């Protein structure tokens, strides 16, 4: 399943990660570097498990934990209306 940014949502890279701006409401969400890596992988077509595993590669976090965190991030992005499937 592939996701895309919702209409009216833009993504900007920052020194510490990324920022999502919902131009419809003027609200923005800041992602740390790990969250930005996960989002980029999700937008490239990875599943949450794949995106989490990629983000965990070289980090001191278990792949299972990273996959769970990636799934949680995806659900929060969906709930906020920032991404669509």
PDB file of N, CA and C in Angstrom:
ATOM      1  N   UNK A   1       0.842  -1.172   0.000  1.00  0.00           N
ATOM      2  CA  UNK A   1       0.000   0.000   0.000  1.00  0.00           C
ATOM      3  C   UNK A   1       0.887   1.235   0.000  1.00  0.00           C
ATOM      4  N   UNK A   2       0.644   2.110  -0.908  1.00  0.00           N
ATOM      5  CA  UNK A   2       1.426   3.330  -1.047  1.00  0.00           C
ATOM      6  C   UNK A   2       0.650   4.491  -0.443  1.00  0.00           C
ATOM      7  N   UNK A   3       1.375   5.399   0.199  1.00  0.00           N
ATOM      8  CA  UNK A   3       0.731   6.595   0.721  1.00  0.00           C
ATOM      9  C   UNK A   3       1.273   7.813  -0.012  1.00  0.00           C
ATOM     10  N   UNK A   4       0.509   8.874   0.035  1.00  0.00           N
ATOM     11  CA  UNK A   4       0.926  10.153  -0.529  1.00  0.00           C
ATOM     12  C   UNK A   4       0.572  11.246   0.475  1.00  0.00           C
ATOM     13  N   UNK A   5       1.217  12.384   0.335  1.00  0.00           N
ATOM     14  CA  UNK A   5       0.809  13.527   1.138  1.00  0.00           C
ATOM     15  C   UNK A   5      -0.569  13.955   0.671  1.00  0.00           C
ATOM     16  N   UNK A   6      -1.411  14.339   1.598  1.00  0.00           N
ATOM     17  CA  UNK A   6      -2.750  14.796   1.257  1.00  0.00           C
ATOM     18  C   UNK A   6      -2.653  16.103   0.475  1.00  0.00           C
ATOM     19  N   UNK A   7      -3.684  16.392  -0.298  1.00  0.00           N
ATOM     20  CA  UNK A   7      -3.740  17.669  -1.018  1.00  0.00           C
ATOM     21  C   UNK A   7      -3.625  18.809  -0.017  1.00  0.00           C
ATOM     22  N   UNK A   8      -2.791  19.783  -0.331  1.00  0.00           N
ATOM     23  CA  UNK A   8      -2.621  20.929   0.544  1.00  0.00           C
ATOM     24  C   UNK A   8      -1.611  20.724   1.656  1.00  0.00           C
ATOM     25  N   UNK A   9      -0.892  19.605   1.632  1.00  0.00           N
ATOM     26  CA  UNK A   9       0.137  19.345   2.639  1.00  0.00           C
ATOM     27  C   UNK A   9       1.494  19.385   1.955  1.00  0.00           C
ATOM     28  N   UNK A  10       2.412  20.142   2.533  1.00  0.00           N
ATOM     29  CA  UNK A  10       3.757  20.209   1.975  1.00  0.00           C
ATOM     30  C   UNK A  10       4.767  19.724   3.005  1.00  0.00           C
ATOM     31  N   UNK A  11       5.894  19.271   2.498  1.00  0.00           N
ATOM     32  CA  UNK A  11       6.962  18.702   3.316  1.00  0.00           C
ATOM     33  C   UNK A  11       8.224  19.511   3.087  1.00  0.00           C
ATOM     34  N   UNK A  12       8.846  19.959   4.169  1.00  0.00           N
ATOM     35  CA  UNK A  12      10.098  20.698   4.076  1.00  0.00           C
ATOM     36  C   UNK A  12      11.125  20.055   4.992  1.00  0.00           C
ATOM     37  N   UNK A  13      12.324  19.872   4.460  1.00  0.00           N
ATOM     38  CA  UNK A  13      13.421  19.314   5.246  1.00  0.00           C
ATOM     39  C   UNK A  13      13.969  20.381   6.177  1.00  0.00           C
ATOM     40  N   UNK A  14      14.393  19.968   7.358  1.00  0.00           N
ATOM     41  CA  UNK A  14      15.042  20.861   8.317  1.00  0.00           C
ATOM     42  C   UNK A  14      16.349  20.209   8.745  1.00  0.00           C
ATOM     43  N   UNK A  15      17.149  20.944   9.496  1.00  0.00           N
ATOM     44  CA  UNK A  15      18.414  20.385   9.980  1.00  0.00           C
ATOM     45  C   UNK A  15      18.189  19.153  10.855  1.00  0.00           C
ATOM     46  N   UNK A  16      17.109  19.145  11.624  1.00  0.00           N
ATOM     47  CA  UNK A  16      16.870  18.039  12.543  1.00  0.00           C
ATOM     48  C   UNK A  16      15.813  17.058  12.106  1.00  0.00           C
ATOM     49  N   UNK A  17      15.308  17.153  10.888  1.00  0.00           N
ATOM     50  CA  UNK A  17      14.266  16.246  10.422  1.00  0.00           C
ATOM     51  C   UNK A  17      13.454  16.851   9.303  1.00  0.00           C
ATOM     52  N   UNK A  18      12.171  17.100   9.570  1.00  0.00           N
ATOM     53  CA  UNK A  18      11.287  17.650   8.546  1.00  0.00           C
ATOM     54  C   UNK A  18      10.087  18.312   9.212  1.00  0.00           C
ATOM     55  N   UNK A  19       9.406  19.140   8.442  1.00  0.00           N
ATOM     56  CA  UNK A  19       8.178  19.788   8.891  1.00  0.00           C
ATOM     57  C   UNK A  19       7.112  19.544   7.836  1.00  0.00           C
ATOM     58  N   UNK A  20       5.936  19.160   8.288  1.00  0.00           N
ATOM     59  CA  UNK A  20       4.767  19.033   7.420  1.00  0.00           C
ATOM     60  C   UNK A  20       3.873  20.235   7.685  1.00  0.00           C
ATOM     61  N   UNK A  21       3.466  20.919   6.636  1.00  0.00           N
ATOM     62  CA  UNK A  21       2.565  22.062   6.756  1.00  0.00           C
ATOM     63  C   UNK A  21       1.245  21.719   6.090  1.00  0.00           C
ATOM     64  N   UNK A  22       0.189  21.810   6.864  1.00  0.00           N
ATOM     65  CA  UNK A  22      -1.154  21.644   6.323  1.00  0.00           C
ATOM     66  C   UNK A  22      -1.632  23.032   5.921  1.00  0.00           C
ATOM     67  N   UNK A  23      -1.527  23.335   4.649  1.00  0.00           N
ATOM     68  CA  UNK A  23      -1.857  24.659   4.139  1.00  0.00           C
ATOM     69  C   UNK A  23      -3.343  24.964   4.256  1.00  0.00           C
ATOM     70  N   UNK A  24      -4.154  23.939   4.448  1.00  0.00           N
ATOM     71  CA  UNK A  24      -5.597  24.140   4.584  1.00  0.00           C
ATOM     72  C   UNK A  24      -5.939  24.763   5.932  1.00  0.00           C
ATOM     73  N   UNK A  25      -5.204  24.368   6.970  1.00  0.00           N
ATOM     74  CA  UNK A  25      -5.504  24.859   8.323  1.00  0.00           C
ATOM     75  C   UNK A  25      -4.431  25.788   8.872  1.00  0.00           C
ATOM     76  N   UNK A  26      -3.244  25.774   8.247  1.00  0.00           N
ATOM     77  CA  UNK A  26      -2.127  26.564   8.750  1.00  0.00           C
ATOM     78  C   UNK A  26      -1.351  25.868   9.856  1.00  0.00           C
ATOM     79  N   UNK A  27      -1.735  24.651  10.214  1.00  0.00           N
ATOM     80  CA  UNK A  27      -1.042  23.893  11.258  1.00  0.00           C
ATOM     81  C   UNK A  27       0.168  23.192  10.668  1.00  0.00           C
ATOM     82  N   UNK A  28       1.164  22.993  11.510  1.00  0.00           N
ATOM     83  CA  UNK A  28       2.340  22.261  11.061  1.00  0.00           C
ATOM     84  C   UNK A  28       2.753  21.243  12.104  1.00  0.00           C
ATOM     85  N   UNK A  29       3.457  20.214  11.637  1.00  0.00           N
ATOM     86  CA  UNK A  29       3.943  19.124  12.472  1.00  0.00           C
ATOM     87  C   UNK A  29       5.426  18.964  12.216  1.00  0.00           C
ATOM     88  N   UNK A  30       6.168  18.875  13.290  1.00  0.00           N
ATOM     89  CA  UNK A  30       7.612  18.713  13.179  1.00  0.00           C
ATOM     90  C   UNK A  30       7.965  17.253  13.423  1.00  0.00           C
ATOM     91  N   UNK A  31       8.812  16.704  12.552  1.00  0.00           N
ATOM     92  CA  UNK A  31       9.298  15.334  12.686  1.00  0.00           C
ATOM     93  C   UNK A  31      10.786  15.367  12.987  1.00  0.00           C
ATOM     94  N   UNK A  32      11.213  14.522  13.910  1.00  0.00           N
ATOM     95  CA  UNK A  32      12.654  14.405  14.142  1.00  0.00           C
ATOM     96  C   UNK A  32      13.269  13.630  12.978  1.00  0.00           C
ATOM     97  N   UNK A  33      14.571  13.430  13.027  1.00  0.00           N
ATOM     98  CA  UNK A  33      15.270  12.786  11.904  1.00  0.00           C
ATOM     99  C   UNK A  33      14.737  11.383  11.641  1.00  0.00           C
ATOM    100  N   UNK A  34      14.463  10.620  12.694  1.00  0.00           N
ATOM    101  CA  UNK A  34      13.943   9.256  12.507  1.00  0.00           C
ATOM    102  C   UNK A  34      12.558   9.289  11.880  1.00  0.00           C
ATOM    103  N   UNK A  35      11.709  10.182  12.370  1.00  0.00           N
ATOM    104  CA  UNK A  35      10.366  10.304  11.807  1.00  0.00           C
ATOM    105  C   UNK A  35      10.401  10.721  10.348  1.00  0.00           C
ATOM    106  N   UNK A  36      11.318  11.622  10.006  1.00  0.00           N
ATOM    107  CA  UNK A  36      11.453  12.049   8.613  1.00  0.00           C
ATOM    108  C   UNK A  36      11.909  10.891   7.733  1.00  0.00           C
ATOM    109  N   UNK A  37      12.863  10.088   8.228  1.00  0.00           N
ATOM    110  CA  UNK A  37      13.321   8.917   7.449  1.00  0.00           C
ATOM    111  C   UNK A  37      12.171   7.951   7.216  1.00  0.00           C
ATOM    112  N   UNK A  38      11.390   7.712   8.267  1.00  0.00           N
ATOM    113  CA  UNK A  38      10.242   6.805   8.130  1.00  0.00           C
ATOM    114  C   UNK A  38       9.254   7.363   7.114  1.00  0.00           C
ATOM    115  N   UNK A  39       8.916   8.641   7.219  1.00  0.00           N
ATOM    116  CA  UNK A  39       7.959   9.232   6.280  1.00  0.00           C
ATOM    117  C   UNK A  39       8.451   9.124   4.850  1.00  0.00           C
ATOM    118  N   UNK A  40       9.706   9.411   4.606  1.00  0.00           N
ATOM    119  CA  UNK A  40      10.244   9.309   3.248  1.00  0.00           C
ATOM    120  C   UNK A  40      10.126   7.881   2.716  1.00  0.00           C
ATOM    121  N   UNK A  41      10.412   6.901   3.568  1.00  0.00           N
ATOM    122  CA  UNK A  41      10.295   5.503   3.137  1.00  0.00           C
ATOM    123  C   UNK A  41       8.836   5.133   2.852  1.00  0.00           C
ATOM    124  N   UNK A  42       7.916   5.615   3.693  1.00  0.00           N
ATOM    125  CA  UNK A  42       6.498   5.358   3.460  1.00  0.00           C
ATOM    126  C   UNK A  42       6.039   5.979   2.136  1.00  0.00           C
ATOM    127  N   UNK A  43       6.483   7.190   1.877  1.00  0.00           N
ATOM    128  CA  UNK A  43       6.117   7.857   0.620  1.00  0.00           C
ATOM    129  C   UNK A  43       6.723   7.159  -0.589  1.00  0.00           C
ATOM    130  N   UNK A  44       7.835   6.452  -0.371  1.00  0.00           N
ATOM    131  CA  UNK A  44       8.482   5.710  -1.457  1.00  0.00           C
ATOM    132  C   UNK A  44       7.840   4.344  -1.683  1.00  0.00           C
ATOM    133  N   UNK A  45       6.863   3.982  -0.839  1.00  0.00           N
ATOM    134  CA  UNK A  45       6.146   2.735  -1.055  1.00  0.00           C
ATOM    135  C   UNK A  45       6.414   1.641  -0.045  1.00  0.00           C
ATOM    136  N   UNK A  46       7.286   1.884   0.926  1.00  0.00           N
ATOM    137  CA  UNK A  46       7.541   0.879   1.958  1.00  0.00           C
ATOM    138  C   UNK A  46       6.328   0.712   2.857  1.00  0.00           C
ATOM    139  N   UNK A  47       6.196  -0.476   3.436  1.00  0.00           N
ATOM    140  CA  UNK A  47       5.218  -0.681   4.497  1.00  0.00           C
ATOM    141  C   UNK A  47       5.781  -0.055   5.764  1.00  0.00           C
ATOM    142  N   UNK A  48       4.943   0.051   6.790  1.00  0.00           N
ATOM    143  CA  UNK A  48       5.426   0.597   8.061  1.00  0.00           C
ATOM    144  C   UNK A  48       6.537  -0.277   8.628  1.00  0.00           C
ATOM    145  N   UNK A  49       6.415  -1.601   8.506  1.00  0.00           N
ATOM    146  CA  UNK A  49       7.458  -2.498   9.007  1.00  0.00           C
ATOM    147  C   UNK A  49       8.771  -2.291   8.263  1.00  0.00           C
ATOM    148  N   UNK A  50       8.693  -2.150   6.945  1.00  0.00           N
ATOM    149  CA  UNK A  50       9.903  -1.918   6.148  1.00  0.00           C
ATOM    150  C   UNK A  50      10.533  -0.567   6.471  1.00  0.00           C
ATOM    151  N   UNK A  51       9.690   0.454   6.604  1.00  0.00           N
ATOM    152  CA  UNK A  51      10.191   1.791   6.910  1.00  0.00           C
ATOM    153  C   UNK A  51      10.842   1.812   8.292  1.00  0.00           C
ATOM    154  N   UNK A  52      10.231   1.135   9.252  1.00  0.00           N
ATOM    155  CA  UNK A  52      10.794   1.065  10.586  1.00  0.00           C
ATOM    156  C   UNK A  52      12.113   0.333  10.602  1.00  0.00           C
ATOM    157  N   UNK A  53      12.190  -0.774   9.880  1.00  0.00           N
ATOM    158  CA  UNK A  53      13.440  -1.540   9.813  1.00  0.00           C
ATOM    159  C   UNK A  53      14.548  -0.710   9.186  1.00  0.00           C
ATOM    160  N   UNK A  54      14.230   0.044   8.162  1.00  0.00           N
ATOM    161  CA  UNK A  54      15.233   0.895   7.510  1.00  0.00           C
ATOM    162  C   UNK A  54      15.703   1.990   8.460  1.00  0.00           C
ATOM    163  N   UNK A  55      14.780   2.567   9.223  1.00  0.00           N
ATOM    164  CA  UNK A  55      15.135   3.619  10.170  1.00  0.00           C
ATOM    165  C   UNK A  55      15.977   3.065  11.313  1.00  0.00           C
ATOM    166  N   UNK A  56      15.746   1.798  11.667  1.00  0.00           N
ATOM    167  CA  UNK A  56      16.485   1.179  12.770  1.00  0.00           C
ATOM    168  C   UNK A  56      17.874   0.724  12.352  1.00  0.00           C
ATOM    169  N   UNK A  57      18.089   0.587  11.052  1.00  0.00           N
ATOM    170  CA  UNK A  57      19.378   0.104  10.559  1.00  0.00           C
ATOM    171  C   UNK A  57      20.490   1.042  11.030  1.00  0.00           C
ATOM    172  N   UNK A  58      21.408   0.510  11.819  1.00  0.00           N
ATOM    173  CA  UNK A  58      22.514   1.302  12.341  1.00  0.00           C
ATOM    174  C   UNK A  58      22.186   2.047  13.616  1.00  0.00           C
ATOM    175  N   UNK A  59      20.950   1.957  14.084  1.00  0.00           N
ATOM    176  CA  UNK A  59      20.554   2.624  15.327  1.00  0.00           C
ATOM    177  C   UNK A  59      20.500   1.599  16.453  1.00  0.00           C
ATOM    178  N   UNK A  60      20.430   2.086  17.659  1.00  0.00           N
ATOM    179  CA  UNK A  60      20.404   1.185  18.812  1.00  0.00           C
ATOM    180  C   UNK A  60      18.976   0.901  19.264  1.00  0.00           C
ATOM    181  N   UNK A  61      18.117   0.578  18.308  1.00  0.00           N
ATOM    182  CA  UNK A  61      16.731   0.237  18.609  1.00  0.00           C
ATOM    183  C   UNK A  61      16.394  -1.056  17.875  1.00  0.00           C
ATOM    184  N   UNK A  62      15.625  -1.899  18.520  1.00  0.00           N
ATOM    185  CA  UNK A  62      15.229  -3.175  17.916  1.00  0.00           C
ATOM    186  C   UNK A  62      14.316  -2.937  16.723  1.00  0.00           C
ATOM    187  N   UNK A  63      14.452  -3.781  15.716  1.00  0.00           N
ATOM    188  CA  UNK A  63      13.648  -3.640  14.501  1.00  0.00           C
ATOM    189  C   UNK A  63      12.152  -3.711  14.810  1.00  0.00           C
ATOM    190  N   UNK A  64      11.758  -4.562  15.757  1.00  0.00           N
ATOM    191  CA  UNK A  64      10.344  -4.695  16.110  1.00  0.00           C
ATOM    192  C   UNK A  64       9.813  -3.393  16.710  1.00  0.00           C
ATOM    193  N   UNK A  65      10.609  -2.783  17.564  1.00  0.00           N
ATOM    194  CA  UNK A  65      10.214  -1.506  18.175  1.00  0.00           C
ATOM    195  C   UNK A  65      10.110  -0.436  17.101  1.00  0.00           C
ATOM    196  N   UNK A  66      11.085  -0.384  16.208  1.00  0.00           N
ATOM    197  CA  UNK A  66      11.071   0.617  15.148  1.00  0.00           C
ATOM    198  C   UNK A  66       9.873   0.426  14.231  1.00  0.00           C
ATOM    199  N   UNK A  67       9.525  -0.821  13.928  1.00  0.00           N
ATOM    200  CA  UNK A  67       8.362  -1.089  13.083  1.00  0.00           C
ATOM    201  C   UNK A  67       7.085  -0.621  13.774  1.00  0.00           C
ATOM    202  N   UNK A  68       6.977  -0.866  15.071  1.00  0.00           N
ATOM    203  CA  UNK A  68       5.815  -0.406  15.827  1.00  0.00           C
ATOM    204  C   UNK A  68       5.728   1.104  15.857  1.00  0.00           C
ATOM    205  N   UNK A  69       6.874   1.759  16.049  1.00  0.00           N
ATOM    206  CA  UNK A  69       6.907   3.220  16.050  1.00  0.00           C
ATOM    207  C   UNK A  69       6.515   3.775  14.688  1.00  0.00           C
ATOM    208  N   UNK A  70       6.973   3.133  13.614  1.00  0.00           N
ATOM    209  CA  UNK A  70       6.635   3.577  12.260  1.00  0.00           C
ATOM    210  C   UNK A  70       5.133   3.433  12.014  1.00  0.00           C
ATOM    211  N   UNK A  71       4.555   2.336  12.485  1.00  0.00           N
ATOM    212  CA  UNK A  71       3.112   2.130  12.336  1.00  0.00           C
ATOM    213  C   UNK A  71       2.340   3.210  13.112  1.00  0.00           C
ATOM    214  N   UNK A  72       2.793   3.512  14.320  1.00  0.00           N
ATOM    215  CA  UNK A  72       2.147   4.552  15.129  1.00  0.00           C
ATOM    216  C   UNK A  72       2.226   5.908  14.434  1.00  0.00           C
ATOM    217  N   UNK A  73       3.394   6.232  13.885  1.00  0.00           N
ATOM    218  CA  UNK A  73       3.544   7.490  13.163  1.00  0.00           C
ATOM    219  C   UNK A  73       2.583   7.549  11.979  1.00  0.00           C
ATOM    220  N   UNK A  74       2.516   6.470  11.217  1.00  0.00           N
ATOM    221  CA  UNK A  74       1.619   6.428  10.054  1.00  0.00           C
ATOM    222  C   UNK A  74       0.171   6.656  10.483  1.00  0.00           C
ATOM    223  N   UNK A  75      -0.252   6.023  11.557  1.00  0.00           N
ATOM    224  CA  UNK A  75      -1.629   6.190  12.026  1.00  0.00           C
ATOM    225  C   UNK A  75      -1.891   7.625  12.476  1.00  0.00           C
ATOM    226  N   UNK A  76      -0.916   8.246  13.135  1.00  0.00           N
ATOM    227  CA  UNK A  76      -1.086   9.643  13.561  1.00  0.00           C
ATOM    228  C   UNK A  76      -1.158  10.578  12.357  1.00  0.00           C
ATOM    229  N   UNK A  77      -0.346  10.316  11.346  1.00  0.00           N
ATOM    230  CA  UNK A  77      -0.393  11.133  10.130  1.00  0.00           C
ATOM    231  C   UNK A  77      -1.737  10.982   9.426  1.00  0.00           C
ATOM    232  N   UNK A  78      -2.238   9.759   9.376  1.00  0.00           N
ATOM    233  CA  UNK A  78      -3.557   9.533   8.771  1.00  0.00           C
ATOM    234  C   UNK A  78      -4.643  10.249   9.560  1.00  0.00           C
ATOM    235  N   UNK A  79      -4.611  10.098  10.877  1.00  0.00           N
ATOM    236  CA  UNK A  79      -5.633  10.706  11.734  1.00  0.00           C
ATOM    237  C   UNK A  79      -5.650  12.225  11.588  1.00  0.00           C
ATOM    238  N   UNK A  80      -4.472  12.820  11.409  1.00  0.00           N
ATOM    239  CA  UNK A  80      -4.367  14.275  11.225  1.00  0.00           C
ATOM    240  C   UNK A  80      -4.735  14.707   9.813  1.00  0.00           C
ATOM    241  N   UNK A  81      -4.964  13.749   8.914  1.00  0.00           N
ATOM    242  CA  UNK A  81      -5.313  14.082   7.535  1.00  0.00           C
ATOM    243  C   UNK A  81      -4.154  14.546   6.700  1.00  0.00           C
ATOM    244  N   UNK A  82      -2.928  14.183   7.112  1.00  0.00           N
ATOM    245  CA  UNK A  82      -1.733  14.638   6.400  1.00  0.00           C
ATOM    246  C   UNK A  82      -1.326  13.704   5.259  1.00  0.00           C
ATOM    247  N   UNK A  83      -1.738  12.450   5.329  1.00  0.00           N
ATOM    248  CA  UNK A  83      -1.425  11.491   4.276  1.00  0.00           C
ATOM    249  C   UNK A  83      -2.692  10.747   3.887  1.00  0.00           C
ATOM    250  N   UNK A  84      -2.668  10.181   2.706  1.00  0.00           N
ATOM    251  CA  UNK A  84      -3.784   9.357   2.246  1.00  0.00           C
ATOM    252  C   UNK A  84      -3.232   8.141   1.526  1.00  0.00           C
ATOM    253  N   UNK A  85      -4.032   7.098   1.483  1.00  0.00           N
ATOM    254  CA  UNK A  85      -3.610   5.842   0.841  1.00  0.00           C
ATOM    255  C   UNK A  85      -4.116   5.787  -0.576  1.00  0.00           C
TER     256      UNK A  85
END
